[in-house]
Amino acid sequence: MTPWLPTLKTATPQEGYELAVKMARVAIKMTQPDAEVRDKLRQVYADDADALIASSQVVATHFATVAAANHYWREPS
């Protein structure tokens, strides 16, 4: 796989959140590389509140990692 994550550093929390979402999406693609299978599975979880909450939790975990790597976007004192 081509390297796609050169750094966890982002300029803003918004960019950090977008990176967290991308991290979650890439993890799914790496776990299930068959796009056709992912498309079929999407129909299953799209209407499943528990699955959607679980995916949100994964993004939140990734965002916490990105935020920590960016020192929570605090200016140095």
C-alpha atoms as a PDB file:
ATOM      1  CA  MET A   1       0.000   0.000   0.000  1.00  0.00           C
ATOM      2  CA  THR A   2       1.221   3.479  -0.843  1.00  0.00           C
ATOM      3  CA  PRO A   3       2.014   5.546   2.262  1.00  0.00           C
ATOM      4  CA  TRP A   4      -0.851   7.960   2.840  1.00  0.00           C
ATOM      5  CA  LEU A   5      -0.259   9.203   6.391  1.00  0.00           C
ATOM      6  CA  PRO A   6       2.967  11.190   6.539  1.00  0.00           C
ATOM      7  CA  THR A   7       2.012  12.953   9.768  1.00  0.00           C
ATOM      8  CA  LEU A   8      -0.712  13.390  12.351  1.00  0.00           C
ATOM      9  CA  LYS A   9      -0.007  17.121  12.496  1.00  0.00           C
ATOM     10  CA  THR A  10      -2.817  19.363  11.291  1.00  0.00           C
ATOM     11  CA  ALA A  11      -3.240  23.126  11.348  1.00  0.00           C
ATOM     12  CA  THR A  12      -6.695  23.161  12.921  1.00  0.00           C
ATOM     13  CA  PRO A  13      -9.090  20.945  14.856  1.00  0.00           C
ATOM     14  CA  GLN A  14     -11.329  20.819  11.744  1.00  0.00           C
ATOM     15  CA  GLU A  15      -8.453  19.387   9.706  1.00  0.00           C
ATOM     16  CA  GLY A  16      -7.741  17.020  12.578  1.00  0.00           C
ATOM     17  CA  TYR A  17     -11.300  15.742  12.555  1.00  0.00           C
ATOM     18  CA  GLU A  18     -11.210  15.274   8.787  1.00  0.00           C
ATOM     19  CA  LEU A  19      -7.998  13.280   9.218  1.00  0.00           C
ATOM     20  CA  ALA A  20      -9.681  11.143  11.883  1.00  0.00           C
ATOM     21  CA  VAL A  21     -12.539  10.344   9.492  1.00  0.00           C
ATOM     22  CA  LYS A  22     -10.033   9.467   6.759  1.00  0.00           C
ATOM     23  CA  MET A  23      -8.157   7.207   9.184  1.00  0.00           C
ATOM     24  CA  ALA A  24     -11.385   5.338   9.945  1.00  0.00           C
ATOM     25  CA  ARG A  25     -12.212   4.976   6.255  1.00  0.00           C
ATOM     26  CA  VAL A  26      -8.739   3.719   5.379  1.00  0.00           C
ATOM     27  CA  ALA A  27      -8.943   1.178   8.203  1.00  0.00           C
ATOM     28  CA  ILE A  28     -12.152  -0.207   6.702  1.00  0.00           C
ATOM     29  CA  LYS A  29     -10.564  -0.407   3.240  1.00  0.00           C
ATOM     30  CA  MET A  30      -7.559  -2.218   4.669  1.00  0.00           C
ATOM     31  CA  THR A  31      -9.759  -4.606   6.647  1.00  0.00           C
ATOM     32  CA  GLN A  32     -12.054  -5.315   3.683  1.00  0.00           C
ATOM     33  CA  PRO A  33     -10.183  -4.517   0.451  1.00  0.00           C
ATOM     34  CA  ASP A  34     -13.021  -5.715  -1.812  1.00  0.00           C
ATOM     35  CA  ALA A  35     -15.025  -2.609  -2.771  1.00  0.00           C
ATOM     36  CA  GLU A  36     -17.985  -4.691  -3.886  1.00  0.00           C
ATOM     37  CA  VAL A  37     -18.224  -6.379  -0.486  1.00  0.00           C
ATOM     38  CA  ARG A  38     -17.925  -2.988   1.285  1.00  0.00           C
ATOM     39  CA  ASP A  39     -20.763  -1.645  -0.874  1.00  0.00           C
ATOM     40  CA  LYS A  40     -22.990  -4.590   0.083  1.00  0.00           C
ATOM     41  CA  LEU A  41     -22.143  -4.220   3.777  1.00  0.00           C
ATOM     42  CA  ARG A  42     -22.855  -0.487   3.703  1.00  0.00           C
ATOM     43  CA  GLN A  43     -26.510  -1.270   3.016  1.00  0.00           C
ATOM     44  CA  VAL A  44     -26.593  -3.385   6.182  1.00  0.00           C
ATOM     45  CA  TYR A  45     -25.104  -0.849   8.589  1.00  0.00           C
ATOM     46  CA  ALA A  46     -26.653   2.271   7.040  1.00  0.00           C
ATOM     47  CA  ASP A  47     -29.911   1.578   8.894  1.00  0.00           C
ATOM     48  CA  ASP A  48     -28.324   0.173  12.056  1.00  0.00           C
ATOM     49  CA  ALA A  49     -28.096   2.799  14.794  1.00  0.00           C
ATOM     50  CA  ASP A  50     -25.667   0.688  16.845  1.00  0.00           C
ATOM     51  CA  ALA A  51     -23.311   0.294  13.884  1.00  0.00           C
ATOM     52  CA  LEU A  52     -23.430   4.019  13.163  1.00  0.00           C
ATOM     53  CA  ILE A  53     -22.701   4.842  16.801  1.00  0.00           C
ATOM     54  CA  ALA A  54     -19.795   2.379  16.749  1.00  0.00           C
ATOM     55  CA  SER A  55     -18.328   4.052  13.663  1.00  0.00           C
ATOM     56  CA  SER A  56     -18.656   7.418  15.383  1.00  0.00           C
ATOM     57  CA  GLN A  57     -16.761   6.012  18.358  1.00  0.00           C
ATOM     58  CA  VAL A  58     -13.936   4.882  16.074  1.00  0.00           C
ATOM     59  CA  VAL A  59     -13.674   8.386  14.595  1.00  0.00           C
ATOM     60  CA  ALA A  60     -13.694   9.872  18.110  1.00  0.00           C
ATOM     61  CA  THR A  61     -10.811   7.599  19.124  1.00  0.00           C
ATOM     62  CA  HIS A  62      -8.824   8.603  16.050  1.00  0.00           C
ATOM     63  CA  PHE A  63      -9.614  12.271  16.704  1.00  0.00           C
ATOM     64  CA  ALA A  64      -8.326  11.960  20.276  1.00  0.00           C
ATOM     65  CA  THR A  65      -5.075  10.568  18.887  1.00  0.00           C
ATOM     66  CA  VAL A  66      -4.736  13.365  16.331  1.00  0.00           C
ATOM     67  CA  ALA A  67      -5.598  16.010  18.938  1.00  0.00           C
ATOM     68  CA  ALA A  68      -2.948  14.694  21.314  1.00  0.00           C
ATOM     69  CA  ALA A  69      -0.377  14.655  18.507  1.00  0.00           C
ATOM     70  CA  ASN A  70      -1.202  18.307  17.894  1.00  0.00           C
ATOM     71  CA  HIS A  71      -1.025  19.202  21.580  1.00  0.00           C
ATOM     72  CA  TYR A  72      -4.720  20.008  21.336  1.00  0.00           C
ATOM     73  CA  TRP A  73      -3.849  22.932  19.035  1.00  0.00           C
ATOM     74  CA  ARG A  74      -2.630  25.008  21.950  1.00  0.00           C
ATOM     75  CA  GLU A  75      -0.230  27.822  21.376  1.00  0.00           C
ATOM     76  CA  PRO A  76       3.038  27.357  23.241  1.00  0.00           C
ATOM     77  CA  SER A  77       3.172  29.493  26.386  1.00  0.00           C
END
